[in-house]
Amino acid sequence: MTYKDNKTKILGLHHVTALSSNPQKNVDFYAGILGLRMVKKTINFDAPEVYHLYYGDSEGSPGTLMTFFPYPKMAKGRQGTGQLTVTSFSIADGSIGYWMDRLKKYGVEHTTPKKRFNDEEFIYFEDTDGLGIELVTNDRDYREGYNYGHIPREHTIKGFYGITLNQQSHKRTADFLTSCLDHKVVAEDGDRYRFSPDGEVGGIVDVVEMPSGSMGRGGSGTVHHVAFATSDDEAQLEVRERLASTGVHVTPVVDRQYFKSIYFREPGGVLFEVATNPPGMAIDEDPNHLGTSLKLPTWQENNRDVIESNLETITFDAMEFMD
């Protein structure tokens, strides 16, 4: 599988979308405990009876967006091969102690600090549905994390560090990333293979080889898909042409209002998306009030009363999570 094109179209990660069960617990964990800004409260465009909640930095920038479809009473999934199993967030050097204390305060079990690739320090924990999360320290991330006022600015989460894919064999996924999605081999550490378009924080993809690992099963606490960022509609269409020319089954462009998307599966089974950076989260909401009201796609506005009646009311007060 090869495609000759020297122009990089994939810029890194755009968003990760996961499945959860209880929307209020989801808000409390990601906006409350972790301090991410809820930048959009909308619906799953394909299942309007379900929220689509977006968390990120102050502007909801690509590369910071963790999003959820919270299906009340959804059965718990199982993490395994053929899945994105860990989403890693970036924090500053010197912040890991703060986060261990904060997680302990709210009863979130976590590992002790661990290292990989010689100097990469991180802790692992899971959200209320069992979704795998890491906080990774580094001094290479100059993005400014969001702060509701309840977490010290110097310790805020800056955005994605990277993701981890679990596969029974890494080779097909590795070939796909390097041949079709502009990634390069960055490093190797035992059964962990690292890829990135540019080697920078926010775009790292680790593929962990687990030959005897059990296949994952979808459900709450698992990732639905991961989206890679591209600059605009033209670049996205070029990526789509590239994928189709190599025999990949890729969807037509789908308008998700805040970005445009194409979807396809990589050879190991993980659902991938390529999303445009524009138009962004502020297209239908004042930047100072992102995530404060339920935003619907234009074709669902006539159904607002019915949709709102079917959604559980969710609230958030950052002061309830003040240190």
Protein backbone atom coordinates (compact mmCIF):
# COMPACT_ATOMS: atom_id res chain seq x y z
CA MET A 1 0.00 0.00 0.00
CA THR A 2 1.79 3.12 -1.18
CA TYR A 3 0.84 6.59 -2.27
CA LYS A 4 3.40 9.02 -3.66
CA ASP A 5 2.65 12.48 -2.35
CA ASN A 6 5.18 14.66 -0.60
CA LYS A 7 2.61 17.11 0.75
CA THR A 8 1.55 16.41 4.32
CA LYS A 9 -2.22 16.60 4.72
CA ILE A 10 -2.61 15.08 8.18
CA LEU A 11 -1.66 17.59 10.89
CA GLY A 12 -2.08 15.46 14.02
CA LEU A 13 -5.08 14.53 16.16
CA HIS A 14 -8.37 16.40 15.89
CA HIS A 15 -10.64 14.66 18.41
CA VAL A 16 -11.35 11.37 20.16
CA THR A 17 -14.97 10.26 20.56
CA ALA A 18 -15.91 7.69 23.20
CA LEU A 19 -19.03 5.99 24.55
CA SER A 20 -20.24 6.57 28.09
CA SER A 21 -23.35 5.83 30.13
CA ASN A 22 -24.35 8.63 32.48
CA PRO A 23 -24.09 12.18 31.02
CA GLN A 24 -23.98 13.96 34.39
CA LYS A 25 -21.16 11.74 35.67
CA ASN A 26 -19.35 12.38 32.39
CA VAL A 27 -19.59 16.16 32.88
CA ASP A 28 -18.50 15.91 36.50
CA PHE A 29 -15.42 13.88 35.56
CA TYR A 30 -14.14 15.74 32.50
CA ALA A 31 -15.18 19.32 33.29
CA GLY A 32 -15.12 18.94 37.07
CA ILE A 33 -12.23 16.69 38.06
CA LEU A 34 -10.05 17.13 34.95
CA GLY A 35 -10.99 20.77 34.37
CA LEU A 36 -11.56 20.60 30.60
CA ARG A 37 -13.91 23.20 29.21
CA MET A 38 -17.24 21.88 27.97
CA VAL A 39 -17.16 23.66 24.62
CA LYS A 40 -20.23 22.17 22.99
CA LYS A 41 -23.44 20.56 24.18
CA THR A 42 -25.23 19.14 21.18
CA ILE A 43 -26.69 15.81 20.03
CA ASN A 44 -25.44 12.79 18.19
CA PHE A 45 -26.46 13.79 14.66
CA ASP A 46 -27.16 10.12 13.90
CA ALA A 47 -29.08 9.45 17.15
CA PRO A 48 -30.78 12.70 18.27
CA GLU A 49 -32.02 11.22 21.53
CA VAL A 50 -28.40 11.13 22.77
CA TYR A 51 -26.11 14.01 23.74
CA HIS A 52 -22.81 14.69 22.01
CA LEU A 53 -20.63 16.43 24.60
CA TYR A 54 -17.34 18.12 23.62
CA TYR A 55 -14.54 19.04 26.03
CA GLY A 56 -11.34 20.90 25.19
CA ASP A 57 -9.34 24.08 25.68
CA SER A 58 -10.80 27.59 25.84
CA GLU A 59 -11.66 27.61 22.12
CA GLY A 60 -12.30 23.92 21.57
CA SER A 61 -9.21 23.73 19.39
CA PRO A 62 -8.49 20.63 17.29
CA GLY A 63 -6.02 18.48 19.18
CA THR A 64 -7.75 19.13 22.53
CA LEU A 65 -11.24 17.78 21.86
CA MET A 66 -12.45 14.78 23.86
CA THR A 67 -16.07 14.05 22.95
CA PHE A 68 -18.70 11.60 24.18
CA PHE A 69 -21.92 9.91 23.20
CA PRO A 70 -23.46 9.22 26.64
CA TYR A 71 -26.08 6.47 26.24
CA PRO A 72 -27.90 6.07 29.57
CA LYS A 73 -27.76 2.46 30.82
CA MET A 74 -25.41 1.38 28.01
CA ALA A 75 -23.69 -1.91 28.79
CA LYS A 76 -20.02 -1.72 29.66
CA GLY A 77 -17.60 -2.52 26.85
CA ARG A 78 -14.33 -4.38 27.03
CA GLN A 79 -10.98 -2.90 26.11
CA GLY A 80 -8.82 -5.09 23.90
CA THR A 81 -7.13 -5.47 20.56
CA GLY A 82 -8.58 -3.67 17.57
CA GLN A 83 -9.32 -0.63 19.73
CA LEU A 84 -8.00 2.72 20.81
CA THR A 85 -7.43 1.84 24.46
CA VAL A 86 -5.74 4.91 25.98
CA THR A 87 -6.12 8.64 25.38
CA SER A 88 -3.14 10.57 26.71
CA PHE A 89 -3.30 14.22 27.77
CA SER A 90 -0.37 16.60 28.11
CA ILE A 91 0.57 18.30 31.38
CA ALA A 92 3.58 20.39 32.37
CA ASP A 93 6.70 19.02 34.00
CA GLY A 94 6.26 19.15 37.75
CA SER A 95 2.48 18.66 37.63
CA ILE A 96 2.21 14.93 38.17
CA GLY A 97 2.24 15.21 41.96
CA TYR A 98 -0.60 17.72 41.85
CA TRP A 99 -2.69 15.39 39.72
CA MET A 100 -2.04 12.37 41.88
CA ASP A 101 -3.30 14.32 44.89
CA ARG A 102 -6.32 15.62 43.00
CA LEU A 103 -7.33 12.21 41.67
CA LYS A 104 -6.96 10.73 45.15
CA LYS A 105 -9.17 13.49 46.56
CA TYR A 106 -12.01 12.46 44.24
CA GLY A 107 -11.54 8.74 44.69
CA VAL A 108 -10.02 8.08 41.25
CA GLU A 109 -7.60 5.17 41.41
CA HIS A 110 -4.38 5.74 39.50
CA THR A 111 -0.98 4.21 38.99
CA THR A 112 2.23 5.47 40.45
CA PRO A 113 4.34 7.45 37.96
CA LYS A 114 5.78 5.24 35.24
CA LYS A 115 8.31 5.88 32.47
CA ARG A 116 8.72 4.79 28.85
CA PHE A 117 11.01 5.85 26.02
CA ASN A 118 13.59 6.68 28.72
CA ASP A 119 12.20 9.99 29.98
CA GLU A 120 8.44 10.05 29.32
CA GLU A 121 6.69 10.09 32.72
CA PHE A 122 2.97 9.40 33.04
CA ILE A 123 0.18 8.12 35.27
CA TYR A 124 -2.74 5.97 34.14
CA PHE A 125 -6.32 5.98 35.43
CA GLU A 126 -9.84 5.38 34.19
CA ASP A 127 -12.97 7.50 34.07
CA THR A 128 -16.29 6.47 35.63
CA ASP A 129 -17.01 4.12 32.71
CA GLY A 130 -13.55 2.53 32.63
CA LEU A 131 -12.12 4.53 29.73
CA GLY A 132 -8.31 4.51 29.77
CA ILE A 133 -6.68 7.92 30.38
CA GLU A 134 -3.07 9.01 30.85
CA LEU A 135 -1.51 12.28 31.95
CA VAL A 136 1.96 12.68 30.42
CA THR A 137 4.47 15.29 31.62
CA ASN A 138 6.69 17.16 29.21
CA ASP A 139 8.35 20.55 28.61
CA ARG A 140 7.59 20.70 24.87
CA ASP A 141 3.94 21.73 24.97
CA TYR A 142 3.43 25.50 24.79
CA ARG A 143 -0.36 25.38 24.54
CA GLU A 144 -2.24 27.06 27.36
CA GLY A 145 -4.66 24.80 29.18
CA TYR A 146 -8.15 25.91 30.13
CA ASN A 147 -8.93 26.95 33.68
CA TYR A 148 -12.40 27.39 35.19
CA GLY A 149 -10.66 28.83 38.24
CA HIS A 150 -10.77 25.60 40.23
CA ILE A 151 -7.42 24.19 39.07
CA PRO A 152 -4.14 26.16 39.24
CA ARG A 153 -3.25 27.46 35.78
CA GLU A 154 0.21 25.89 35.84
CA HIS A 155 -1.31 22.43 36.27
CA THR A 156 -4.10 22.58 33.70
CA ILE A 157 -4.37 19.96 30.96
CA LYS A 158 -3.04 21.40 27.71
CA GLY A 159 -4.66 19.05 25.19
CA PHE A 160 -3.84 15.67 23.72
CA TYR A 161 -0.41 14.14 24.05
CA GLY A 162 -1.35 11.14 21.93
CA ILE A 163 -3.30 7.90 21.68
CA THR A 164 -2.60 4.19 22.04
CA LEU A 165 -3.95 1.53 19.68
CA ASN A 166 -3.83 -2.12 20.76
CA GLN A 167 -3.34 -4.62 17.93
CA GLN A 168 -2.52 -8.32 17.75
CA SER A 169 0.09 -7.36 15.14
CA HIS A 170 1.36 -3.83 14.63
CA LYS A 171 2.56 -4.17 11.03
CA ARG A 172 -0.61 -3.55 9.01
CA THR A 173 -1.60 -0.55 11.11
CA ALA A 174 1.97 0.78 10.91
CA ASP A 175 2.04 0.44 7.13
CA PHE A 176 -1.33 2.19 6.90
CA LEU A 177 -0.27 5.12 9.06
CA THR A 178 2.96 5.67 7.13
CA SER A 179 1.61 5.02 3.62
CA CYS A 180 -1.78 6.74 3.77
CA LEU A 181 -1.84 9.16 6.71
CA ASP A 182 1.51 10.99 6.56
CA HIS A 183 2.89 9.44 9.76
CA LYS A 184 6.53 8.58 10.32
CA VAL A 185 8.15 6.11 12.68
CA VAL A 186 9.32 8.08 15.72
CA ALA A 187 10.49 5.44 18.20
CA GLU A 188 10.22 1.83 19.33
CA ASP A 189 10.18 0.52 22.89
CA GLY A 190 9.64 -3.22 23.22
CA ASP A 191 6.17 -4.00 21.89
CA ARG A 192 5.28 -0.29 21.59
CA TYR A 193 5.78 1.42 18.21
CA ARG A 194 5.42 5.21 17.99
CA PHE A 195 4.27 7.22 14.97
CA SER A 196 3.57 10.90 14.31
CA PRO A 197 3.29 13.29 11.36
CA ASP A 198 5.86 15.64 12.89
CA GLY A 199 6.99 14.19 16.22
CA GLU A 200 5.25 16.95 18.16
CA VAL A 201 3.07 16.65 21.24
CA GLY A 202 -0.59 16.31 20.25
CA GLY A 203 -0.12 14.00 17.29
CA ILE A 204 1.52 10.89 18.73
CA VAL A 205 0.10 7.47 17.86
CA ASP A 206 1.43 4.47 19.74
CA VAL A 207 0.65 1.00 18.43
CA VAL A 208 1.06 -1.70 21.08
CA GLU A 209 1.42 -5.23 19.78
CA MET A 210 -0.45 -7.86 21.82
CA PRO A 211 -0.35 -11.16 19.87
CA SER A 212 -2.37 -13.06 22.48
CA GLY A 213 -4.67 -10.19 23.41
CA SER A 214 -8.45 -10.58 23.38
CA MET A 215 -10.48 -8.56 20.91
CA GLY A 216 -12.17 -5.51 22.37
CA ARG A 217 -15.94 -5.14 22.54
CA GLY A 218 -17.77 -1.84 22.11
CA GLY A 219 -19.82 -0.31 24.90
CA SER A 220 -19.50 2.33 27.57
CA GLY A 221 -15.90 2.97 28.50
CA THR A 222 -14.58 2.35 24.99
CA VAL A 223 -13.59 4.67 22.16
CA HIS A 224 -15.94 4.92 19.19
CA HIS A 225 -13.47 6.59 16.81
CA VAL A 226 -10.44 8.84 16.55
CA ALA A 227 -10.24 11.81 14.17
CA PHE A 228 -7.11 13.16 12.54
CA ALA A 229 -6.93 16.84 11.63
CA THR A 230 -6.53 18.37 8.21
CA SER A 231 -6.37 22.03 7.27
CA ASP A 232 -9.40 22.51 5.02
CA ASP A 233 -11.89 20.94 2.61
CA GLU A 234 -9.37 20.70 -0.21
CA ALA A 235 -6.82 18.82 1.88
CA GLN A 236 -9.51 16.50 3.15
CA LEU A 237 -10.63 15.64 -0.37
CA GLU A 238 -7.03 14.89 -1.31
CA VAL A 239 -6.77 12.51 1.64
CA ARG A 240 -10.02 10.88 0.60
CA GLU A 241 -8.74 10.41 -2.96
CA ARG A 242 -5.51 8.96 -1.59
CA LEU A 243 -7.38 6.45 0.56
CA ALA A 244 -9.79 5.43 -2.20
CA SER A 245 -6.92 4.96 -4.67
CA THR A 246 -5.39 2.34 -2.37
CA GLY A 247 -8.65 0.41 -2.05
CA VAL A 248 -9.80 1.75 1.31
CA HIS A 249 -13.58 1.94 1.73
CA VAL A 250 -14.06 5.58 2.76
CA THR A 251 -17.35 7.45 3.24
CA PRO A 252 -18.36 10.55 1.32
CA VAL A 253 -17.73 13.85 3.11
CA VAL A 254 -20.20 14.29 5.99
CA ASP A 255 -21.03 17.75 7.36
CA ARG A 256 -20.78 17.69 11.18
CA GLN A 257 -21.45 21.45 11.42
CA TYR A 258 -18.26 22.19 13.40
CA PHE A 259 -16.07 20.30 10.92
CA LYS A 260 -16.45 18.07 7.90
CA SER A 261 -15.62 14.39 8.17
CA ILE A 262 -14.73 11.25 6.27
CA TYR A 263 -14.69 7.83 7.96
CA PHE A 264 -12.88 4.56 7.31
CA ARG A 265 -11.37 1.65 9.21
CA GLU A 266 -7.67 1.00 9.45
CA PRO A 267 -6.57 -2.61 8.84
CA GLY A 268 -6.64 -3.50 12.54
CA GLY A 269 -10.30 -2.49 12.84
CA VAL A 270 -10.16 0.91 14.58
CA LEU A 271 -12.60 3.44 13.12
CA PHE A 272 -10.66 6.46 11.84
CA GLU A 273 -11.94 9.86 10.77
CA VAL A 274 -10.26 12.77 9.02
CA ALA A 275 -11.85 16.06 10.09
CA THR A 276 -11.30 19.62 8.89
CA ASN A 277 -10.07 22.18 11.40
CA PRO A 278 -12.59 24.85 10.31
CA PRO A 279 -15.19 26.11 10.90
CA GLY A 280 -14.80 25.34 14.62
CA MET A 281 -16.85 25.47 17.82
CA ALA A 282 -17.76 29.17 17.65
CA ILE A 283 -19.80 28.90 14.44
CA ASP A 284 -23.10 28.85 16.37
CA GLU A 285 -22.13 30.17 19.81
CA ASP A 286 -20.33 33.14 21.32
CA PRO A 287 -16.75 32.10 22.19
CA ASN A 288 -17.26 33.35 25.75
CA HIS A 289 -20.28 31.10 26.23
CA LEU A 290 -19.29 27.87 24.54
CA GLY A 291 -21.12 24.83 25.85
CA THR A 292 -23.71 26.74 27.86
CA SER A 293 -26.81 25.93 25.80
CA LEU A 294 -28.03 22.98 23.77
CA LYS A 295 -27.07 23.53 20.14
CA LEU A 296 -28.92 21.60 17.45
CA PRO A 297 -28.17 21.17 13.76
CA THR A 298 -30.45 23.37 11.69
CA TRP A 299 -32.47 20.40 10.40
CA GLN A 300 -33.41 19.43 13.97
CA GLU A 301 -34.51 22.84 15.28
CA ASN A 302 -38.16 22.05 14.53
CA ASN A 303 -37.82 19.04 16.82
CA ARG A 304 -36.19 20.91 19.72
CA ASP A 305 -39.05 20.40 22.21
CA VAL A 306 -39.13 16.65 21.63
CA ILE A 307 -35.34 16.32 21.70
CA GLU A 308 -34.99 18.33 24.92
CA SER A 309 -37.73 16.28 26.61
CA ASN A 310 -35.81 13.08 25.84
CA LEU A 311 -32.46 14.31 27.17
CA GLU A 312 -31.44 14.13 30.81
CA THR A 313 -30.81 17.55 32.34
CA ILE A 314 -27.12 18.12 33.03
CA THR A 315 -25.57 20.88 35.14
CA PHE A 316 -22.09 21.98 36.09
CA ASP A 317 -20.66 24.17 38.84
CA ALA A 318 -16.87 24.34 38.83
CA MET A 319 -16.84 25.52 42.44
CA GLU A 320 -18.00 22.06 43.53
CA PHE A 321 -14.60 20.81 42.34
CA MET A 322 -12.44 23.57 43.82
CA ASP A 323 -9.19 22.49 45.46
